[in-house]
Amino acid sequence: MMWHVVFAECDGRVLSRAARSRDSAIQVACELLSQAYDVRRILEPNGISIERPELDEHFDEGRFPGLRRDTSSAGRASRMPIELETVTE
């Protein structure tokens, strides 16, 4: 069963990235949030979705160490982009 993290690039193009579990999908979403992508939701295999407010809770509570928001421009500039496998929505 696949989970899909739906996000938008800075040009507005909507993409998704697949994950094999709920925890993995949340971690992918947090990684994308830390790199300033516009994460919209996670689509579960059963059709239910995890919306952005719940994802923000996971991100803000530091459930994945090292993935807390850095709002400084130096923090954003020093991040290396993650390699994405994308599927268009």
PDB file of N, CA and C in Angstrom:
ATOM      1  N   MET A   1       0.853  -1.178   0.000  1.00  0.00           N
ATOM      2  CA  MET A   1       0.000   0.000   0.000  1.00  0.00           C
ATOM      3  C   MET A   1       0.897   1.239   0.000  1.00  0.00           C
ATOM      4  N   MET A   2       0.535   2.197  -0.828  1.00  0.00           N
ATOM      5  CA  MET A   2       1.334   3.408  -0.954  1.00  0.00           C
ATOM      6  C   MET A   2       0.593   4.626  -0.403  1.00  0.00           C
ATOM      7  N   TRP A   3       1.347   5.477   0.232  1.00  0.00           N
ATOM      8  CA  TRP A   3       0.878   6.762   0.717  1.00  0.00           C
ATOM      9  C   TRP A   3       1.477   7.809  -0.217  1.00  0.00           C
ATOM     10  N   HIS A   4       0.792   8.917  -0.432  1.00  0.00           N
ATOM     11  CA  HIS A   4       1.313   9.954  -1.318  1.00  0.00           C
ATOM     12  C   HIS A   4       1.316  11.302  -0.600  1.00  0.00           C
ATOM     13  N   VAL A   5       2.489  11.933  -0.586  1.00  0.00           N
ATOM     14  CA  VAL A   5       2.638  13.278  -0.040  1.00  0.00           C
ATOM     15  C   VAL A   5       2.440  14.245  -1.204  1.00  0.00           C
ATOM     16  N   VAL A   6       1.394  15.053  -1.122  1.00  0.00           N
ATOM     17  CA  VAL A   6       1.066  16.002  -2.182  1.00  0.00           C
ATOM     18  C   VAL A   6       1.643  17.366  -1.788  1.00  0.00           C
ATOM     19  N   PHE A   7       2.435  17.941  -2.702  1.00  0.00           N
ATOM     20  CA  PHE A   7       3.088  19.216  -2.421  1.00  0.00           C
ATOM     21  C   PHE A   7       3.204  20.024  -3.704  1.00  0.00           C
ATOM     22  N   ALA A   8       3.504  21.324  -3.546  1.00  0.00           N
ATOM     23  CA  ALA A   8       3.679  22.198  -4.703  1.00  0.00           C
ATOM     24  C   ALA A   8       5.079  22.780  -4.686  1.00  0.00           C
ATOM     25  N   GLU A   9       5.642  22.899  -5.879  1.00  0.00           N
ATOM     26  CA  GLU A   9       6.931  23.563  -6.029  1.00  0.00           C
ATOM     27  C   GLU A   9       6.701  25.067  -6.029  1.00  0.00           C
ATOM     28  N   CYS A  10       7.790  25.846  -6.012  1.00  0.00           N
ATOM     29  CA  CYS A  10       7.644  27.307  -5.944  1.00  0.00           C
ATOM     30  C   CYS A  10       6.942  27.883  -7.167  1.00  0.00           C
ATOM     31  N   ASP A  11       6.967  27.163  -8.294  1.00  0.00           N
ATOM     32  CA  ASP A  11       6.265  27.646  -9.486  1.00  0.00           C
ATOM     33  C   ASP A  11       4.792  27.240  -9.493  1.00  0.00           C
ATOM     34  N   GLY A  12       4.336  26.563  -8.434  1.00  0.00           N
ATOM     35  CA  GLY A  12       2.937  26.177  -8.302  1.00  0.00           C
ATOM     36  C   GLY A  12       2.591  24.802  -8.850  1.00  0.00           C
ATOM     37  N   ARG A  13       3.561  24.149  -9.496  1.00  0.00           N
ATOM     38  CA  ARG A  13       3.304  22.809 -10.042  1.00  0.00           C
ATOM     39  C   ARG A  13       3.078  21.823  -8.892  1.00  0.00           C
ATOM     40  N   VAL A  14       1.958  21.101  -8.932  1.00  0.00           N
ATOM     41  CA  VAL A  14       1.598  20.163  -7.871  1.00  0.00           C
ATOM     42  C   VAL A  14       2.152  18.785  -8.222  1.00  0.00           C
ATOM     43  N   LEU A  15       2.865  18.189  -7.240  1.00  0.00           N
ATOM     44  CA  LEU A  15       3.498  16.891  -7.410  1.00  0.00           C
ATOM     45  C   LEU A  15       3.167  16.015  -6.212  1.00  0.00           C
ATOM     46  N   SER A  16       3.547  14.749  -6.284  1.00  0.00           N
ATOM     47  CA  SER A  16       3.423  13.889  -5.114  1.00  0.00           C
ATOM     48  C   SER A  16       4.656  13.008  -5.014  1.00  0.00           C
ATOM     49  N   ARG A  17       4.905  12.565  -3.807  1.00  0.00           N
ATOM     50  CA  ARG A  17       6.010  11.657  -3.547  1.00  0.00           C
ATOM     51  C   ARG A  17       5.454  10.467  -2.777  1.00  0.00           C
ATOM     52  N   ALA A  18       5.789   9.268  -3.209  1.00  0.00           N
ATOM     53  CA  ALA A  18       5.248   8.049  -2.606  1.00  0.00           C
ATOM     54  C   ALA A  18       6.030   7.654  -1.359  1.00  0.00           C
ATOM     55  N   ALA A  19       5.320   7.022  -0.418  1.00  0.00           N
ATOM     56  CA  ALA A  19       5.924   6.472   0.796  1.00  0.00           C
ATOM     57  C   ALA A  19       5.222   5.152   1.108  1.00  0.00           C
ATOM     58  N   ARG A  20       5.895   4.279   1.839  1.00  0.00           N
ATOM     59  CA  ARG A  20       5.347   2.949   2.116  1.00  0.00           C
ATOM     60  C   ARG A  20       4.576   2.838   3.433  1.00  0.00           C
ATOM     61  N   SER A  21       4.641   3.867   4.280  1.00  0.00           N
ATOM     62  CA  SER A  21       3.924   3.811   5.556  1.00  0.00           C
ATOM     63  C   SER A  21       3.506   5.218   5.969  1.00  0.00           C
ATOM     64  N   ARG A  22       2.626   5.282   6.957  1.00  0.00           N
ATOM     65  CA  ARG A  22       2.171   6.576   7.472  1.00  0.00           C
ATOM     66  C   ARG A  22       3.338   7.356   8.048  1.00  0.00           C
ATOM     67  N   ASP A  23       4.155   6.718   8.884  1.00  0.00           N
ATOM     68  CA  ASP A  23       5.292   7.403   9.489  1.00  0.00           C
ATOM     69  C   ASP A  23       6.278   7.894   8.441  1.00  0.00           C
ATOM     70  N   SER A  24       6.525   7.074   7.439  1.00  0.00           N
ATOM     71  CA  SER A  24       7.428   7.463   6.365  1.00  0.00           C
ATOM     72  C   SER A  24       6.870   8.655   5.596  1.00  0.00           C
ATOM     73  N   ALA A  25       5.576   8.650   5.335  1.00  0.00           N
ATOM     74  CA  ALA A  25       4.940   9.762   4.628  1.00  0.00           C
ATOM     75  C   ALA A  25       5.029  11.051   5.450  1.00  0.00           C
ATOM     76  N   ILE A  26       4.821  10.950   6.752  1.00  0.00           N
ATOM     77  CA  ILE A  26       4.926  12.134   7.618  1.00  0.00           C
ATOM     78  C   ILE A  26       6.361  12.643   7.615  1.00  0.00           C
ATOM     79  N   GLN A  27       7.324  11.747   7.652  1.00  0.00           N
ATOM     80  CA  GLN A  27       8.730  12.165   7.629  1.00  0.00           C
ATOM     81  C   GLN A  27       9.061  12.855   6.297  1.00  0.00           C
ATOM     82  N   VAL A  28       8.590  12.300   5.187  1.00  0.00           N
ATOM     83  CA  VAL A  28       8.809  12.929   3.880  1.00  0.00           C
ATOM     84  C   VAL A  28       8.178  14.321   3.876  1.00  0.00           C
ATOM     85  N   ALA A  29       6.964  14.440   4.401  1.00  0.00           N
ATOM     86  CA  ALA A  29       6.286  15.734   4.454  1.00  0.00           C
ATOM     87  C   ALA A  29       7.097  16.730   5.287  1.00  0.00           C
ATOM     88  N   CYS A  30       7.627  16.285   6.406  1.00  0.00           N
ATOM     89  CA  CYS A  30       8.434  17.165   7.249  1.00  0.00           C
ATOM     90  C   CYS A  30       9.714  17.586   6.541  1.00  0.00           C
ATOM     91  N   GLU A  31      10.338  16.666   5.817  1.00  0.00           N
ATOM     92  CA  GLU A  31      11.537  17.014   5.048  1.00  0.00           C
ATOM     93  C   GLU A  31      11.206  18.075   3.994  1.00  0.00           C
ATOM     94  N   LEU A  32      10.083  17.892   3.310  1.00  0.00           N
ATOM     95  CA  LEU A  32       9.671  18.866   2.303  1.00  0.00           C
ATOM     96  C   LEU A  32       9.346  20.220   2.939  1.00  0.00           C
ATOM     97  N   LEU A  33       8.668  20.215   4.092  1.00  0.00           N
ATOM     98  CA  LEU A  33       8.378  21.460   4.798  1.00  0.00           C
ATOM     99  C   LEU A  33       9.663  22.168   5.198  1.00  0.00           C
ATOM    100  N   SER A  34      10.660  21.416   5.638  1.00  0.00           N
ATOM    101  CA  SER A  34      11.921  22.024   6.065  1.00  0.00           C
ATOM    102  C   SER A  34      12.663  22.665   4.902  1.00  0.00           C
ATOM    103  N   GLN A  35      12.323  22.255   3.679  1.00  0.00           N
ATOM    104  CA  GLN A  35      12.943  22.838   2.489  1.00  0.00           C
ATOM    105  C   GLN A  35      12.021  23.842   1.803  1.00  0.00           C
ATOM    106  N   ALA A  36      11.008  24.291   2.529  1.00  0.00           N
ATOM    107  CA  ALA A  36      10.094  25.359   2.106  1.00  0.00           C
ATOM    108  C   ALA A  36       9.168  24.970   0.944  1.00  0.00           C
ATOM    109  N   TYR A  37       8.917  23.664   0.756  1.00  0.00           N
ATOM    110  CA  TYR A  37       7.899  23.257  -0.212  1.00  0.00           C
ATOM    111  C   TYR A  37       6.524  23.472   0.411  1.00  0.00           C
ATOM    112  N   ASP A  38       5.530  23.697  -0.408  1.00  0.00           N
ATOM    113  CA  ASP A  38       4.153  23.878   0.046  1.00  0.00           C
ATOM    114  C   ASP A  38       3.486  22.499   0.108  1.00  0.00           C
ATOM    115  N   VAL A  39       3.599  21.846   1.276  1.00  0.00           N
ATOM    116  CA  VAL A  39       3.008  20.519   1.445  1.00  0.00           C
ATOM    117  C   VAL A  39       1.520  20.700   1.682  1.00  0.00           C
ATOM    118  N   ARG A  40       0.707  20.024   0.879  1.00  0.00           N
ATOM    119  CA  ARG A  40      -0.742  20.196   0.948  1.00  0.00           C
ATOM    120  C   ARG A  40      -1.410  19.166   1.842  1.00  0.00           C
ATOM    121  N   ARG A  41      -1.058  17.886   1.616  1.00  0.00           N
ATOM    122  CA  ARG A  41      -1.700  16.798   2.374  1.00  0.00           C
ATOM    123  C   ARG A  41      -0.976  15.497   2.099  1.00  0.00           C
ATOM    124  N   ILE A  42      -1.345  14.482   2.878  1.00  0.00           N
ATOM    125  CA  ILE A  42      -0.908  13.111   2.618  1.00  0.00           C
ATOM    126  C   ILE A  42      -2.165  12.318   2.290  1.00  0.00           C
ATOM    127  N   LEU A  43      -2.131  11.612   1.178  1.00  0.00           N
ATOM    128  CA  LEU A  43      -3.254  10.759   0.794  1.00  0.00           C
ATOM    129  C   LEU A  43      -2.962   9.336   1.257  1.00  0.00           C
ATOM    130  N   GLU A  44      -3.858   8.809   2.094  1.00  0.00           N
ATOM    131  CA  GLU A  44      -3.716   7.452   2.605  1.00  0.00           C
ATOM    132  C   GLU A  44      -4.231   6.454   1.575  1.00  0.00           C
ATOM    133  N   PRO A  45      -3.783   5.193   1.668  1.00  0.00           N
ATOM    134  CA  PRO A  45      -4.232   4.171   0.707  1.00  0.00           C
ATOM    135  C   PRO A  45      -5.745   3.967   0.694  1.00  0.00           C
ATOM    136  N   ASN A  46      -6.407   4.222   1.819  1.00  0.00           N
ATOM    137  CA  ASN A  46      -7.861   4.014   1.897  1.00  0.00           C
ATOM    138  C   ASN A  46      -8.663   5.229   1.426  1.00  0.00           C
ATOM    139  N   GLY A  47      -7.970   6.256   0.910  1.00  0.00           N
ATOM    140  CA  GLY A  47      -8.653   7.431   0.385  1.00  0.00           C
ATOM    141  C   GLY A  47      -8.792   8.581   1.360  1.00  0.00           C
ATOM    142  N   ILE A  48      -8.542   8.353   2.625  1.00  0.00           N
ATOM    143  CA  ILE A  48      -8.597   9.417   3.631  1.00  0.00           C
ATOM    144  C   ILE A  48      -7.311  10.243   3.501  1.00  0.00           C
ATOM    145  N   SER A  49      -7.362  11.506   3.906  1.00  0.00           N
ATOM    146  CA  SER A  49      -6.150  12.310   3.817  1.00  0.00           C
ATOM    147  C   SER A  49      -5.788  12.926   5.158  1.00  0.00           C
ATOM    148  N   ILE A  50      -4.503  13.173   5.324  1.00  0.00           N
ATOM    149  CA  ILE A  50      -3.987  13.919   6.471  1.00  0.00           C
ATOM    150  C   ILE A  50      -3.742  15.319   5.933  1.00  0.00           C
ATOM    151  N   GLU A  51      -4.439  16.306   6.470  1.00  0.00           N
ATOM    152  CA  GLU A  51      -4.365  17.665   5.954  1.00  0.00           C
ATOM    153  C   GLU A  51      -3.226  18.449   6.593  1.00  0.00           C
ATOM    154  N   ARG A  52      -2.932  19.582   6.014  1.00  0.00           N
ATOM    155  CA  ARG A  52      -1.784  20.409   6.406  1.00  0.00           C
ATOM    156  C   ARG A  52      -1.745  20.765   7.900  1.00  0.00           C
ATOM    157  N   PRO A  53      -2.858  21.139   8.546  1.00  0.00           N
ATOM    158  CA  PRO A  53      -2.776  21.472   9.971  1.00  0.00           C
ATOM    159  C   PRO A  53      -2.204  20.328  10.819  1.00  0.00           C
ATOM    160  N   GLU A  54      -2.599  19.093  10.543  1.00  0.00           N
ATOM    161  CA  GLU A  54      -2.043  17.959  11.297  1.00  0.00           C
ATOM    162  C   GLU A  54      -0.560  17.774  10.975  1.00  0.00           C
ATOM    163  N   LEU A  55      -0.178  17.973   9.724  1.00  0.00           N
ATOM    164  CA  LEU A  55       1.238  17.864   9.354  1.00  0.00           C
ATOM    165  C   LEU A  55       2.063  18.926  10.065  1.00  0.00           C
ATOM    166  N   ASP A  56       1.525  20.145  10.177  1.00  0.00           N
ATOM    167  CA  ASP A  56       2.216  21.210  10.897  1.00  0.00           C
ATOM    168  C   ASP A  56       2.434  20.837  12.360  1.00  0.00           C
ATOM    169  N   GLU A  57       1.465  20.146  12.973  1.00  0.00           N
ATOM    170  CA  GLU A  57       1.627  19.692  14.355  1.00  0.00           C
ATOM    171  C   GLU A  57       2.808  18.731  14.482  1.00  0.00           C
ATOM    172  N   HIS A  58       2.891  17.780  13.571  1.00  0.00           N
ATOM    173  CA  HIS A  58       4.014  16.838  13.602  1.00  0.00           C
ATOM    174  C   HIS A  58       5.329  17.575  13.442  1.00  0.00           C
ATOM    175  N   PHE A  59       5.368  18.518  12.534  1.00  0.00           N
ATOM    176  CA  PHE A  59       6.584  19.265  12.244  1.00  0.00           C
ATOM    177  C   PHE A  59       6.961  20.148  13.417  1.00  0.00           C
ATOM    178  N   ASP A  60       5.999  20.888  13.958  1.00  0.00           N
ATOM    179  CA  ASP A  60       6.268  21.828  15.040  1.00  0.00           C
ATOM    180  C   ASP A  60       6.597  21.146  16.356  1.00  0.00           C
ATOM    181  N   GLU A  61       6.057  19.972  16.594  1.00  0.00           N
ATOM    182  CA  GLU A  61       6.325  19.295  17.856  1.00  0.00           C
ATOM    183  C   GLU A  61       7.666  18.582  17.860  1.00  0.00           C
ATOM    184  N   GLY A  62       8.393  18.637  16.759  1.00  0.00           N
ATOM    185  CA  GLY A  62       9.721  18.049  16.709  1.00  0.00           C
ATOM    186  C   GLY A  62       9.721  16.542  16.766  1.00  0.00           C
ATOM    187  N   ARG A  63       8.678  15.914  16.240  1.00  0.00           N
ATOM    188  CA  ARG A  63       8.604  14.457  16.292  1.00  0.00           C
ATOM    189  C   ARG A  63       9.687  13.800  15.452  1.00  0.00           C
ATOM    190  N   PHE A  64      10.239  14.555  14.501  1.00  0.00           N
ATOM    191  CA  PHE A  64      11.342  14.047  13.705  1.00  0.00           C
ATOM    192  C   PHE A  64      12.528  14.978  13.954  1.00  0.00           C
ATOM    193  N   PRO A  65      13.478  14.589  14.829  1.00  0.00           N
ATOM    194  CA  PRO A  65      14.600  15.466  15.192  1.00  0.00           C
ATOM    195  C   PRO A  65      15.306  16.018  13.957  1.00  0.00           C
ATOM    196  N   GLY A  66      15.666  17.292  14.036  1.00  0.00           N
ATOM    197  CA  GLY A  66      16.379  17.930  12.948  1.00  0.00           C
ATOM    198  C   GLY A  66      15.484  18.492  11.866  1.00  0.00           C
ATOM    199  N   LEU A  67      14.180  18.337  12.010  1.00  0.00           N
ATOM    200  CA  LEU A  67      13.272  18.819  10.975  1.00  0.00           C
ATOM    201  C   LEU A  67      12.414  19.981  11.463  1.00  0.00           C
ATOM    202  N   ARG A  68      12.925  20.701  12.436  1.00  0.00           N
ATOM    203  CA  ARG A  68      12.168  21.855  12.915  1.00  0.00           C
ATOM    204  C   ARG A  68      12.353  23.019  11.960  1.00  0.00           C
ATOM    205  N   ARG A  69      11.384  23.892  11.901  1.00  0.00           N
ATOM    206  CA  ARG A  69      11.415  25.037  10.992  1.00  0.00           C
ATOM    207  C   ARG A  69      12.556  25.979  11.332  1.00  0.00           C
ATOM    208  N   ASP A  70      13.283  26.381  10.324  1.00  0.00           N
ATOM    209  CA  ASP A  70      14.308  27.411  10.449  1.00  0.00           C
ATOM    210  C   ASP A  70      13.873  28.541   9.539  1.00  0.00           C
ATOM    211  N   THR A  71      13.454  29.655  10.109  1.00  0.00           N
ATOM    212  CA  THR A  71      12.907  30.732   9.298  1.00  0.00           C
ATOM    213  C   THR A  71      13.966  31.733   8.865  1.00  0.00           C
ATOM    214  N   SER A  72      15.197  31.555   9.310  1.00  0.00           N
ATOM    215  CA  SER A  72      16.243  32.481   8.894  1.00  0.00           C
ATOM    216  C   SER A  72      16.641  32.215   7.452  1.00  0.00           C
ATOM    217  N   SER A  73      17.045  33.261   6.758  1.00  0.00           N
ATOM    218  CA  SER A  73      17.454  33.073   5.363  1.00  0.00           C
ATOM    219  C   SER A  73      18.720  32.244   5.278  1.00  0.00           C
ATOM    220  N   ALA A  74      19.600  32.323   6.269  1.00  0.00           N
ATOM    221  CA  ALA A  74      20.826  31.513   6.263  1.00  0.00           C
ATOM    222  C   ALA A  74      20.480  30.035   6.384  1.00  0.00           C
ATOM    223  N   GLY A  75      19.486  29.700   7.198  1.00  0.00           N
ATOM    224  CA  GLY A  75      19.072  28.312   7.357  1.00  0.00           C
ATOM    225  C   GLY A  75      18.505  27.736   6.090  1.00  0.00           C
ATOM    226  N   ARG A  76      17.697  28.539   5.385  1.00  0.00           N
ATOM    227  CA  ARG A  76      17.110  28.075   4.128  1.00  0.00           C
ATOM    228  C   ARG A  76      18.170  27.925   3.051  1.00  0.00           C
ATOM    229  N   ALA A  77      19.130  28.848   3.003  1.00  0.00           N
ATOM    230  CA  ALA A  77      20.140  28.828   1.945  1.00  0.00           C
ATOM    231  C   ALA A  77      21.105  27.668   2.107  1.00  0.00           C
ATOM    232  N   SER A  78      21.327  27.208   3.328  1.00  0.00           N
ATOM    233  CA  SER A  78      22.312  26.153   3.553  1.00  0.00           C
ATOM    234  C   SER A  78      21.768  24.748   3.334  1.00  0.00           C
ATOM    235  N   ARG A  79      20.467  24.600   3.143  1.00  0.00           N
ATOM    236  CA  ARG A  79      19.881  23.276   2.973  1.00  0.00           C
ATOM    237  C   ARG A  79      20.177  22.707   1.603  1.00  0.00           C
ATOM    238  N   MET A  80      20.499  21.437   1.569  1.00  0.00           N
ATOM    239  CA  MET A  80      20.678  20.736   0.302  1.00  0.00           C
ATOM    240  C   MET A  80      19.318  20.197  -0.115  1.00  0.00           C
ATOM    241  N   PRO A  81      18.954  20.308  -1.383  1.00  0.00           N
ATOM    242  CA  PRO A  81      17.662  19.773  -1.818  1.00  0.00           C
ATOM    243  C   PRO A  81      17.636  18.252  -1.748  1.00  0.00           C
ATOM    244  N   ILE A  82      16.478  17.691  -1.409  1.00  0.00           N
ATOM    245  CA  ILE A  82      16.355  16.253  -1.406  1.00  0.00           C
ATOM    246  C   ILE A  82      16.010  15.791  -2.814  1.00  0.00           C
ATOM    247  N   GLU A  83      16.371  14.585  -3.125  1.00  0.00           N
ATOM    248  CA  GLU A  83      16.059  14.024  -4.435  1.00  0.00           C
ATOM    249  C   GLU A  83      14.617  13.549  -4.413  1.00  0.00           C
ATOM    250  N   LEU A  84      13.819  13.989  -5.359  1.00  0.00           N
ATOM    251  CA  LEU A  84      12.398  13.687  -5.372  1.00  0.00           C
ATOM    252  C   LEU A  84      12.034  12.769  -6.520  1.00  0.00           C
ATOM    253  N   GLU A  85      11.241  11.769  -6.213  1.00  0.00           N
ATOM    254  CA  GLU A  85      10.596  10.977  -7.254  1.00  0.00           C
ATOM    255  C   GLU A  85       9.169  11.480  -7.288  1.00  0.00           C
ATOM    256  N   THR A  86       8.746  12.030  -8.400  1.00  0.00           N
ATOM    257  CA  THR A  86       7.458  12.697  -8.415  1.00  0.00           C
ATOM    258  C   THR A  86       6.457  12.042  -9.335  1.00  0.00           C
ATOM    259  N   VAL A  87       5.198  12.219  -8.960  1.00  0.00           N
ATOM    260  CA  VAL A  87       4.059  11.776  -9.767  1.00  0.00           C
ATOM    261  C   VAL A  87       3.143  12.971  -9.840  1.00  0.00           C
ATOM    262  N   THR A  88       2.742  13.398 -11.025  1.00  0.00           N
ATOM    263  CA  THR A  88       1.861  14.548 -11.118  1.00  0.00           C
ATOM    264  C   THR A  88       0.454  14.174 -10.708  1.00  0.00           C
ATOM    265  N   GLU A  89      -0.226  15.125 -10.120  1.00  0.00           N
ATOM    266  CA  GLU A  89      -1.594  14.892  -9.618  1.00  0.00           C
ATOM    267  C   GLU A  89      -2.595  15.162 -10.693  1.00  0.00           C
TER     268      GLU A  89
END
